Amino acid sequence: MADISYFEAWAMWQAGKPVAGYDLWGLQLLWWGRIGKVISFVSGATIILDAIGAERLQQFGKWTADQERVRQRLMFVGVPIVMVMQIQVLAGAGVDFLSSVWLYVLGALITGLIGVAIPALLVGIVRGLGRLFASRWEPVVYGLAAILLAVGFHFDILAS
């Protein structure tokens, strides 16, 4: 695809010409728009986190600090749900799930990742955010969020 400059992209957008088939800095403008949406979502999430409050985030982090209780809940709820989803996807694809041992092993690994590792990582992130919002860095977080919201919206609009 043709590579265009930043200002050419905005000139085309302003003229009403489609920019979807062009590259900006080596990446399709479609992907710049998607990146912009993600950045806007992440920066906008600070508003939700602020509404929840630093104290509640820290309480949630303390509540989840008991790793045995968290692991048991995740294993009890997450693993069966993910396993059923995997069986349905593989059955829909025409794969005989029960006769394919390697698919079962792969499914177990994916289940462990989705059902245990990722939620545990998210719990750690929430605990860290609670500390961050309660610290002296709170104004920096909000300033960075405002900048990221503007940048994300900017690329989302450019790709539209």
N, C-alpha and C. Protein backbone atom coordinates (compact mmCIF):
# COMPACT_ATOMS: atom_id res chain seq x y z
N MET A 1 0.84 -1.18 0.00
CA MET A 1 0.00 0.00 0.00
C MET A 1 0.88 1.24 0.00
N ALA A 2 0.31 2.31 -0.49
CA ALA A 2 1.07 3.54 -0.61
C ALA A 2 1.27 4.17 0.77
N ASP A 3 2.49 4.62 1.00
CA ASP A 3 2.82 5.27 2.26
C ASP A 3 2.62 6.77 2.09
N ILE A 4 1.85 7.38 2.98
CA ILE A 4 1.61 8.82 2.92
C ILE A 4 2.11 9.45 4.21
N SER A 5 2.33 10.76 4.14
CA SER A 5 2.80 11.46 5.33
C SER A 5 1.62 11.79 6.23
N TYR A 6 1.94 12.21 7.42
CA TYR A 6 0.93 12.56 8.41
C TYR A 6 0.03 13.68 7.88
N PHE A 7 0.64 14.71 7.30
CA PHE A 7 -0.12 15.85 6.82
C PHE A 7 -0.92 15.50 5.56
N GLU A 8 -0.40 14.63 4.72
CA GLU A 8 -1.16 14.16 3.56
C GLU A 8 -2.41 13.39 4.01
N ALA A 9 -2.25 12.60 5.05
CA ALA A 9 -3.38 11.84 5.57
C ALA A 9 -4.48 12.77 6.06
N TRP A 10 -4.09 13.80 6.81
CA TRP A 10 -5.10 14.74 7.29
C TRP A 10 -5.71 15.54 6.16
N ALA A 11 -4.92 15.89 5.14
CA ALA A 11 -5.46 16.62 3.99
C ALA A 11 -6.48 15.76 3.24
N MET A 12 -6.15 14.47 3.07
CA MET A 12 -7.09 13.56 2.41
C MET A 12 -8.36 13.41 3.26
N TRP A 13 -8.21 13.26 4.56
CA TRP A 13 -9.36 13.11 5.45
C TRP A 13 -10.26 14.33 5.37
N GLN A 14 -9.63 15.52 5.38
CA GLN A 14 -10.39 16.77 5.35
C GLN A 14 -11.11 16.94 4.02
N ALA A 15 -10.50 16.43 2.94
CA ALA A 15 -11.12 16.52 1.62
C ALA A 15 -12.21 15.46 1.43
N GLY A 16 -12.35 14.56 2.39
CA GLY A 16 -13.37 13.52 2.30
C GLY A 16 -12.95 12.31 1.51
N LYS A 17 -11.66 12.20 1.19
CA LYS A 17 -11.16 11.04 0.46
C LYS A 17 -10.87 9.91 1.44
N PRO A 18 -11.15 8.67 1.06
CA PRO A 18 -10.88 7.55 1.97
C PRO A 18 -9.37 7.36 2.18
N VAL A 19 -9.00 7.17 3.42
CA VAL A 19 -7.58 6.97 3.76
C VAL A 19 -7.30 5.53 4.18
N ALA A 20 -8.31 4.68 4.12
CA ALA A 20 -8.18 3.32 4.63
C ALA A 20 -7.15 2.49 3.89
N GLY A 21 -6.89 2.78 2.63
CA GLY A 21 -5.95 1.97 1.86
C GLY A 21 -4.52 2.45 1.92
N TYR A 22 -4.21 3.34 2.81
CA TYR A 22 -2.87 3.93 2.88
C TYR A 22 -2.15 3.54 4.17
N ASP A 23 -0.84 3.67 4.12
CA ASP A 23 0.00 3.41 5.29
C ASP A 23 0.52 4.73 5.84
N LEU A 24 0.59 4.80 7.14
CA LEU A 24 1.19 5.94 7.83
C LEU A 24 2.29 5.40 8.71
N TRP A 25 3.51 5.82 8.48
CA TRP A 25 4.68 5.37 9.23
C TRP A 25 4.81 3.84 9.20
N GLY A 26 4.48 3.26 8.04
CA GLY A 26 4.66 1.82 7.86
C GLY A 26 3.54 0.96 8.39
N LEU A 27 2.46 1.56 8.87
CA LEU A 27 1.34 0.80 9.42
C LEU A 27 0.05 1.31 8.77
N GLN A 28 -0.84 0.38 8.41
CA GLN A 28 -2.09 0.78 7.77
C GLN A 28 -2.86 1.73 8.67
N LEU A 29 -3.52 2.70 8.06
CA LEU A 29 -4.31 3.65 8.85
C LEU A 29 -5.44 2.96 9.59
N LEU A 30 -5.93 1.85 9.08
CA LEU A 30 -6.93 1.08 9.79
C LEU A 30 -6.40 0.68 11.17
N TRP A 31 -5.12 0.24 11.21
CA TRP A 31 -4.52 -0.17 12.48
C TRP A 31 -4.26 1.02 13.39
N TRP A 32 -3.93 2.17 12.81
CA TRP A 32 -3.78 3.38 13.63
C TRP A 32 -5.10 3.73 14.30
N GLY A 33 -6.20 3.53 13.56
CA GLY A 33 -7.52 3.77 14.15
C GLY A 33 -7.82 2.80 15.28
N ARG A 34 -7.47 1.53 15.09
CA ARG A 34 -7.70 0.54 16.15
C ARG A 34 -6.84 0.84 17.38
N ILE A 35 -5.59 1.21 17.13
CA ILE A 35 -4.71 1.58 18.24
C ILE A 35 -5.30 2.79 18.98
N GLY A 36 -5.83 3.74 18.22
CA GLY A 36 -6.45 4.92 18.82
C GLY A 36 -7.64 4.57 19.68
N LYS A 37 -8.45 3.60 19.25
CA LYS A 37 -9.60 3.17 20.05
C LYS A 37 -9.15 2.55 21.36
N VAL A 38 -8.11 1.71 21.29
CA VAL A 38 -7.61 1.06 22.51
C VAL A 38 -7.04 2.10 23.47
N ILE A 39 -6.26 3.02 22.94
CA ILE A 39 -5.68 4.08 23.79
C ILE A 39 -6.79 4.91 24.43
N SER A 40 -7.81 5.25 23.65
CA SER A 40 -8.93 6.03 24.20
C SER A 40 -9.64 5.26 25.29
N PHE A 41 -9.84 3.96 25.08
CA PHE A 41 -10.51 3.15 26.10
C PHE A 41 -9.69 3.10 27.39
N VAL A 42 -8.40 2.84 27.26
CA VAL A 42 -7.54 2.72 28.44
C VAL A 42 -7.49 4.05 29.20
N SER A 43 -7.36 5.14 28.47
CA SER A 43 -7.29 6.43 29.16
C SER A 43 -8.65 6.80 29.74
N GLY A 44 -9.73 6.45 29.06
CA GLY A 44 -11.06 6.72 29.60
C GLY A 44 -11.38 5.88 30.82
N ALA A 45 -10.74 4.73 30.93
CA ALA A 45 -10.96 3.85 32.09
C ALA A 45 -10.51 4.50 33.38
N THR A 46 -9.64 5.49 33.31
CA THR A 46 -9.22 6.18 34.52
C THR A 46 -10.39 6.90 35.19
N ILE A 47 -11.35 7.34 34.38
CA ILE A 47 -12.54 7.98 34.94
C ILE A 47 -13.32 6.97 35.77
N ILE A 48 -13.47 5.76 35.23
CA ILE A 48 -14.18 4.71 35.95
C ILE A 48 -13.42 4.34 37.23
N LEU A 49 -12.10 4.20 37.11
CA LEU A 49 -11.29 3.86 38.27
C LEU A 49 -11.36 4.96 39.32
N ASP A 50 -11.41 6.20 38.89
CA ASP A 50 -11.54 7.30 39.83
C ASP A 50 -12.89 7.24 40.53
N ALA A 51 -13.94 6.88 39.79
CA ALA A 51 -15.27 6.77 40.40
C ALA A 51 -15.30 5.63 41.43
N ILE A 52 -14.59 4.55 41.12
CA ILE A 52 -14.51 3.44 42.08
C ILE A 52 -13.76 3.89 43.32
N GLY A 53 -12.68 4.61 43.12
CA GLY A 53 -11.91 5.16 44.23
C GLY A 53 -10.72 4.30 44.61
N ALA A 54 -9.67 4.97 45.02
CA ALA A 54 -8.43 4.28 45.39
C ALA A 54 -8.62 3.34 46.56
N GLU A 55 -9.45 3.77 47.52
CA GLU A 55 -9.65 2.93 48.71
C GLU A 55 -10.33 1.61 48.35
N ARG A 56 -11.34 1.68 47.50
CA ARG A 56 -12.03 0.45 47.10
C ARG A 56 -11.12 -0.45 46.27
N LEU A 57 -10.31 0.15 45.40
CA LEU A 57 -9.37 -0.65 44.62
C LEU A 57 -8.38 -1.37 45.55
N GLN A 58 -7.91 -0.65 46.56
CA GLN A 58 -6.99 -1.28 47.50
C GLN A 58 -7.68 -2.35 48.32
N GLN A 59 -8.94 -2.13 48.69
CA GLN A 59 -9.68 -3.16 49.42
C GLN A 59 -9.87 -4.40 48.56
N PHE A 60 -10.15 -4.19 47.27
CA PHE A 60 -10.28 -5.33 46.37
C PHE A 60 -8.95 -6.08 46.27
N GLY A 61 -7.87 -5.32 46.20
CA GLY A 61 -6.56 -5.96 46.16
C GLY A 61 -6.26 -6.77 47.41
N LYS A 62 -6.63 -6.23 48.57
CA LYS A 62 -6.43 -6.97 49.82
C LYS A 62 -7.33 -8.20 49.88
N TRP A 63 -8.55 -8.06 49.37
CA TRP A 63 -9.48 -9.17 49.37
C TRP A 63 -8.94 -10.32 48.52
N THR A 64 -8.27 -9.99 47.45
CA THR A 64 -7.73 -11.02 46.57
C THR A 64 -6.33 -11.47 46.97
N ALA A 65 -5.79 -10.90 48.03
CA ALA A 65 -4.43 -11.25 48.44
C ALA A 65 -4.32 -12.69 48.91
N ASP A 66 -5.40 -13.23 49.40
CA ASP A 66 -5.40 -14.62 49.82
C ASP A 66 -5.37 -15.50 48.57
N GLN A 67 -4.17 -15.87 48.15
CA GLN A 67 -4.00 -16.57 46.87
C GLN A 67 -4.70 -17.91 46.82
N GLU A 68 -4.79 -18.60 47.92
CA GLU A 68 -5.46 -19.90 47.92
C GLU A 68 -6.94 -19.74 47.59
N ARG A 69 -7.57 -18.76 48.21
CA ARG A 69 -8.99 -18.52 47.96
C ARG A 69 -9.22 -18.09 46.52
N VAL A 70 -8.36 -17.21 46.02
CA VAL A 70 -8.48 -16.75 44.63
C VAL A 70 -8.29 -17.92 43.67
N ARG A 71 -7.27 -18.72 43.90
CA ARG A 71 -6.99 -19.85 43.02
C ARG A 71 -8.16 -20.82 43.00
N GLN A 72 -8.72 -21.09 44.15
CA GLN A 72 -9.86 -22.01 44.21
C GLN A 72 -11.06 -21.45 43.46
N ARG A 73 -11.33 -20.18 43.60
CA ARG A 73 -12.46 -19.57 42.88
C ARG A 73 -12.22 -19.60 41.38
N LEU A 74 -11.00 -19.27 40.98
CA LEU A 74 -10.70 -19.26 39.55
C LEU A 74 -10.79 -20.66 38.96
N MET A 75 -10.27 -21.63 39.67
CA MET A 75 -10.32 -23.00 39.18
C MET A 75 -11.75 -23.52 39.15
N PHE A 76 -12.53 -23.16 40.14
CA PHE A 76 -13.91 -23.65 40.24
C PHE A 76 -14.80 -23.06 39.15
N VAL A 77 -14.59 -21.78 38.82
CA VAL A 77 -15.45 -21.10 37.86
C VAL A 77 -14.82 -21.01 36.48
N GLY A 78 -13.58 -20.55 36.42
CA GLY A 78 -12.97 -20.25 35.13
C GLY A 78 -12.62 -21.45 34.29
N VAL A 79 -12.02 -22.44 34.88
CA VAL A 79 -11.52 -23.58 34.10
C VAL A 79 -12.66 -24.35 33.43
N PRO A 80 -13.73 -24.70 34.12
CA PRO A 80 -14.81 -25.41 33.42
C PRO A 80 -15.44 -24.60 32.28
N ILE A 81 -15.59 -23.32 32.49
CA ILE A 81 -16.18 -22.47 31.44
C ILE A 81 -15.29 -22.47 30.21
N VAL A 82 -13.99 -22.29 30.41
CA VAL A 82 -13.06 -22.25 29.28
C VAL A 82 -13.00 -23.61 28.59
N MET A 83 -13.02 -24.69 29.35
CA MET A 83 -12.99 -26.03 28.73
C MET A 83 -14.23 -26.27 27.88
N VAL A 84 -15.39 -25.88 28.35
CA VAL A 84 -16.62 -26.04 27.57
C VAL A 84 -16.56 -25.20 26.30
N MET A 85 -16.04 -23.98 26.42
CA MET A 85 -15.91 -23.13 25.24
C MET A 85 -14.96 -23.76 24.23
N GLN A 86 -13.86 -24.32 24.68
CA GLN A 86 -12.91 -24.95 23.76
C GLN A 86 -13.53 -26.15 23.06
N ILE A 87 -14.26 -26.96 23.79
CA ILE A 87 -14.91 -28.13 23.19
C ILE A 87 -15.91 -27.68 22.13
N GLN A 88 -16.67 -26.63 22.42
CA GLN A 88 -17.65 -26.14 21.45
C GLN A 88 -16.98 -25.59 20.19
N VAL A 89 -15.89 -24.86 20.36
CA VAL A 89 -15.18 -24.30 19.21
C VAL A 89 -14.59 -25.43 18.36
N LEU A 90 -13.94 -26.39 19.01
CA LEU A 90 -13.35 -27.49 18.25
C LEU A 90 -14.41 -28.36 17.60
N ALA A 91 -15.52 -28.59 18.28
CA ALA A 91 -16.59 -29.39 17.69
C ALA A 91 -17.21 -28.65 16.51
N GLY A 92 -17.33 -27.35 16.61
CA GLY A 92 -17.85 -26.55 15.51
C GLY A 92 -16.91 -26.55 14.31
N ALA A 93 -15.62 -26.72 14.57
CA ALA A 93 -14.64 -26.77 13.50
C ALA A 93 -14.52 -28.17 12.91
N GLY A 94 -15.28 -29.12 13.42
CA GLY A 94 -15.25 -30.48 12.89
C GLY A 94 -14.14 -31.34 13.45
N VAL A 95 -13.56 -30.96 14.57
CA VAL A 95 -12.47 -31.72 15.18
C VAL A 95 -13.05 -32.62 16.26
N ASP A 96 -12.68 -33.90 16.22
CA ASP A 96 -13.11 -34.83 17.26
C ASP A 96 -12.22 -34.58 18.48
N PHE A 97 -12.74 -33.81 19.42
CA PHE A 97 -11.94 -33.33 20.55
C PHE A 97 -11.43 -34.47 21.43
N LEU A 98 -12.28 -35.47 21.68
CA LEU A 98 -11.91 -36.51 22.62
C LEU A 98 -10.83 -37.45 22.07
N SER A 99 -10.75 -37.59 20.76
CA SER A 99 -9.75 -38.50 20.21
C SER A 99 -8.41 -37.82 19.93
N SER A 100 -8.36 -36.52 20.04
CA SER A 100 -7.12 -35.79 19.75
C SER A 100 -6.44 -35.40 21.06
N VAL A 101 -5.50 -36.20 21.48
CA VAL A 101 -4.84 -35.98 22.77
C VAL A 101 -4.08 -34.67 22.77
N TRP A 102 -3.38 -34.36 21.70
CA TRP A 102 -2.58 -33.13 21.69
C TRP A 102 -3.46 -31.90 21.76
N LEU A 103 -4.67 -31.97 21.17
CA LEU A 103 -5.58 -30.84 21.29
C LEU A 103 -6.06 -30.68 22.73
N TYR A 104 -6.25 -31.81 23.40
CA TYR A 104 -6.67 -31.76 24.81
C TYR A 104 -5.57 -31.13 25.66
N VAL A 105 -4.31 -31.51 25.41
CA VAL A 105 -3.18 -30.94 26.16
C VAL A 105 -3.08 -29.44 25.87
N LEU A 106 -3.20 -29.08 24.60
CA LEU A 106 -3.17 -27.67 24.23
C LEU A 106 -4.32 -26.92 24.90
N GLY A 107 -5.48 -27.55 24.91
CA GLY A 107 -6.64 -26.94 25.57
C GLY A 107 -6.41 -26.75 27.06
N ALA A 108 -5.76 -27.73 27.69
CA ALA A 108 -5.48 -27.61 29.12
C ALA A 108 -4.51 -26.46 29.39
N LEU A 109 -3.51 -26.30 28.53
CA LEU A 109 -2.57 -25.19 28.69
C LEU A 109 -3.27 -23.84 28.50
N ILE A 110 -4.11 -23.77 27.47
CA ILE A 110 -4.84 -22.52 27.23
C ILE A 110 -5.80 -22.24 28.39
N THR A 111 -6.42 -23.29 28.88
CA THR A 111 -7.32 -23.15 30.01
C THR A 111 -6.58 -22.62 31.24
N GLY A 112 -5.40 -23.16 31.49
CA GLY A 112 -4.61 -22.67 32.61
C GLY A 112 -4.24 -21.21 32.44
N LEU A 113 -3.89 -20.83 31.23
CA LEU A 113 -3.52 -19.44 30.97
C LEU A 113 -4.72 -18.52 31.13
N ILE A 114 -5.84 -18.89 30.51
CA ILE A 114 -7.02 -18.04 30.56
C ILE A 114 -7.68 -18.09 31.93
N GLY A 115 -7.75 -19.27 32.52
CA GLY A 115 -8.50 -19.43 33.76
C GLY A 115 -7.75 -19.05 35.02
N VAL A 116 -6.41 -19.04 34.96
CA VAL A 116 -5.66 -18.78 36.20
C VAL A 116 -4.66 -17.64 36.03
N ALA A 117 -3.79 -17.74 35.04
CA ALA A 117 -2.69 -16.77 34.93
C ALA A 117 -3.19 -15.37 34.61
N ILE A 118 -4.05 -15.25 33.64
CA ILE A 118 -4.51 -13.91 33.24
C ILE A 118 -5.33 -13.25 34.36
N PRO A 119 -6.30 -13.95 34.98
CA PRO A 119 -6.99 -13.29 36.10
C PRO A 119 -6.06 -12.92 37.26
N ALA A 120 -5.07 -13.75 37.54
CA ALA A 120 -4.12 -13.41 38.61
C ALA A 120 -3.33 -12.15 38.24
N LEU A 121 -2.97 -12.03 36.96
CA LEU A 121 -2.28 -10.83 36.50
C LEU A 121 -3.19 -9.60 36.63
N LEU A 122 -4.45 -9.76 36.29
CA LEU A 122 -5.39 -8.64 36.40
C LEU A 122 -5.58 -8.21 37.85
N VAL A 123 -5.59 -9.17 38.76
CA VAL A 123 -5.70 -8.84 40.18
C VAL A 123 -4.50 -8.01 40.61
N GLY A 124 -3.31 -8.40 40.17
CA GLY A 124 -2.11 -7.63 40.48
C GLY A 124 -2.17 -6.22 39.91
N ILE A 125 -2.70 -6.09 38.70
CA ILE A 125 -2.83 -4.77 38.08
C ILE A 125 -3.79 -3.90 38.88
N VAL A 126 -4.92 -4.47 39.30
CA VAL A 126 -5.89 -3.70 40.08
C VAL A 126 -5.28 -3.25 41.41
N ARG A 127 -4.54 -4.13 42.05
CA ARG A 127 -3.89 -3.74 43.32
C ARG A 127 -2.90 -2.60 43.08
N GLY A 128 -2.13 -2.70 42.00
CA GLY A 128 -1.17 -1.65 41.67
C GLY A 128 -1.86 -0.33 41.35
N LEU A 129 -2.98 -0.39 40.63
CA LEU A 129 -3.72 0.83 40.32
C LEU A 129 -4.27 1.48 41.58
N GLY A 130 -4.71 0.66 42.52
CA GLY A 130 -5.19 1.22 43.79
C GLY A 130 -4.10 1.99 44.49
N ARG A 131 -2.91 1.44 44.51
CA ARG A 131 -1.78 2.15 45.14
C ARG A 131 -1.43 3.41 44.37
N LEU A 132 -1.47 3.32 43.02
CA LEU A 132 -1.11 4.45 42.18
C LEU A 132 -2.08 5.61 42.37
N PHE A 133 -3.39 5.30 42.42
CA PHE A 133 -4.37 6.36 42.58
C PHE A 133 -4.35 6.96 43.98
N ALA A 134 -3.80 6.25 44.94
CA ALA A 134 -3.72 6.78 46.29
C ALA A 134 -2.38 7.48 46.55
N SER A 135 -1.52 7.52 45.57
CA SER A 135 -0.19 8.08 45.76
C SER A 135 -0.11 9.52 45.25
N ARG A 136 1.07 10.06 45.34
CA ARG A 136 1.29 11.43 44.87
C ARG A 136 1.32 11.49 43.34
N TRP A 137 1.31 10.34 42.67
CA TRP A 137 1.35 10.28 41.22
C TRP A 137 -0.03 10.46 40.59
N GLU A 138 -1.06 10.60 41.41
CA GLU A 138 -2.42 10.71 40.88
C GLU A 138 -2.57 11.83 39.84
N PRO A 139 -2.05 13.04 40.07
CA PRO A 139 -2.17 14.09 39.03
C PRO A 139 -1.45 13.72 37.73
N VAL A 140 -0.34 13.02 37.85
CA VAL A 140 0.40 12.60 36.65
C VAL A 140 -0.42 11.58 35.86
N VAL A 141 -1.07 10.66 36.58
CA VAL A 141 -1.91 9.66 35.92
C VAL A 141 -3.03 10.34 35.16
N TYR A 142 -3.69 11.31 35.77
CA TYR A 142 -4.79 12.00 35.10
C TYR A 142 -4.29 12.83 33.92
N GLY A 143 -3.16 13.48 34.07
CA GLY A 143 -2.59 14.24 32.95
C GLY A 143 -2.23 13.34 31.78
N LEU A 144 -1.60 12.21 32.09
CA LEU A 144 -1.25 11.25 31.04
C LEU A 144 -2.50 10.68 30.38
N ALA A 145 -3.52 10.41 31.18
CA ALA A 145 -4.78 9.89 30.63
C ALA A 145 -5.42 10.89 29.68
N ALA A 146 -5.39 12.17 30.03
CA ALA A 146 -5.97 13.20 29.15
C ALA A 146 -5.21 13.28 27.83
N ILE A 147 -3.89 13.21 27.90
CA ILE A 147 -3.08 13.25 26.67
C ILE A 147 -3.36 12.01 25.82
N LEU A 148 -3.40 10.84 26.45
CA LEU A 148 -3.66 9.62 25.70
C LEU A 148 -5.06 9.61 25.10
N LEU A 149 -6.03 10.18 25.80
CA LEU A 149 -7.37 10.27 25.25
C LEU A 149 -7.38 11.12 23.99
N ALA A 150 -6.67 12.24 24.02
CA ALA A 150 -6.60 13.11 22.84
C ALA A 150 -5.88 12.41 21.68
N VAL A 151 -4.77 11.74 21.97
CA VAL A 151 -4.01 11.04 20.93
C VAL A 151 -4.84 9.90 20.35
N GLY A 152 -5.46 9.12 21.21
CA GLY A 152 -6.28 8.01 20.75
C GLY A 152 -7.44 8.46 19.90
N PHE A 153 -8.15 9.49 20.34
CA PHE A 153 -9.26 10.03 19.57
C PHE A 153 -8.78 10.56 18.22
N HIS A 154 -7.62 11.19 18.24
CA HIS A 154 -7.01 11.75 17.04
C HIS A 154 -6.81 10.68 15.98
N PHE A 155 -6.19 9.55 16.34
CA PHE A 155 -5.93 8.50 15.36
C PHE A 155 -7.21 7.76 14.99
N ASP A 156 -8.15 7.67 15.90
CA ASP A 156 -9.43 7.05 15.59
C ASP A 156 -10.16 7.88 14.53
N ILE A 157 -10.18 9.18 14.70
CA ILE A 157 -10.83 10.07 13.73
C ILE A 157 -10.09 10.02 12.39
N LEU A 158 -8.76 10.03 12.42
CA LEU A 158 -7.99 10.02 11.18
C LEU A 158 -8.27 8.77 10.36
N ALA A 159 -8.46 7.66 11.00
CA ALA A 159 -8.69 6.41 10.27
C ALA A 159 -10.14 6.24 9.81
N SER A 160 -11.02 7.11 10.26
CA SER A 160 -12.43 6.94 9.89
C SER A 160 -12.71 7.45 8.48
